[in-house]
Protein backbone atom coordinates (compact mmCIF):
# COMPACT_ATOMS: atom_id res chain seq x y z
CA UNK A 1 17.59 2.77 -25.92
CA UNK A 2 20.91 4.40 -25.17
CA UNK A 3 19.87 5.64 -21.74
CA UNK A 4 17.27 4.37 -19.32
CA UNK A 5 14.22 6.34 -18.28
CA UNK A 6 14.20 7.99 -14.86
CA UNK A 7 12.83 5.51 -12.32
CA UNK A 8 11.28 7.80 -9.73
CA UNK A 9 8.37 9.36 -11.68
CA UNK A 10 7.40 6.09 -13.35
CA UNK A 11 7.58 4.18 -10.08
CA UNK A 12 5.35 6.74 -8.37
CA UNK A 13 2.91 6.56 -11.27
CA UNK A 14 2.81 2.76 -11.02
CA UNK A 15 2.16 2.87 -7.27
CA UNK A 16 -0.57 5.43 -7.78
CA UNK A 17 -2.23 3.33 -10.48
CA UNK A 18 -2.05 0.23 -8.27
CA UNK A 19 -3.73 2.06 -5.39
CA UNK A 20 -6.34 3.52 -7.76
CA UNK A 21 -7.12 0.06 -9.11
CA UNK A 22 -7.54 -1.29 -5.58
CA UNK A 23 -9.95 1.54 -4.79
CA UNK A 24 -11.85 0.72 -7.98
CA UNK A 25 -12.11 -2.95 -7.03
CA UNK A 26 -13.25 -1.94 -3.54
CA UNK A 27 -16.11 0.05 -5.02
CA UNK A 28 -17.31 -3.01 -6.96
CA UNK A 29 -16.72 -5.93 -4.58
CA UNK A 30 -16.45 -6.74 -0.89
CA UNK A 31 -13.14 -6.12 0.87
CA UNK A 32 -11.87 -9.70 0.75
CA UNK A 33 -12.88 -10.26 -2.89
CA UNK A 34 -11.38 -6.94 -4.00
CA UNK A 35 -8.04 -7.63 -2.32
CA UNK A 36 -7.95 -11.18 -3.71
CA UNK A 37 -8.66 -10.04 -7.28
CA UNK A 38 -6.18 -7.17 -6.95
CA UNK A 39 -3.39 -9.43 -5.71
CA UNK A 40 -4.16 -12.11 -8.31
CA UNK A 41 -3.97 -9.57 -11.15
CA UNK A 42 -0.74 -8.10 -9.78
CA UNK A 43 0.82 -11.59 -9.67
CA UNK A 44 -0.39 -12.37 -13.19
CA UNK A 45 0.90 -9.13 -14.68
CA UNK A 46 4.23 -9.40 -12.84
CA UNK A 47 4.69 -12.89 -14.27
CA UNK A 48 3.83 -11.81 -17.81
CA UNK A 49 6.02 -8.68 -17.98
CA UNK A 50 9.19 -10.54 -19.10
CA UNK A 51 7.30 -12.00 -22.06
CA UNK A 52 6.22 -8.63 -23.45
CA UNK A 53 9.56 -8.28 -25.18
CA UNK A 54 8.95 -11.58 -27.00
CA UNK A 55 5.56 -10.42 -28.24
CA UNK A 56 6.78 -7.02 -29.46
CA UNK A 57 9.98 -8.34 -31.06
CA UNK A 58 10.37 -7.18 -34.64
């Protein structure tokens, strides 16, 4: 891409989705289990993001 996407709207969307997912986990599990699962998934996805470019390489 010649120019990057604007950061502010996408960052706000990501924060909103993260909070919404935590609320979803809280509706299914106890507080400690929901926070643990939420943090574990955030760590997993953050670690896998750099490898997405290798998967989608043409």
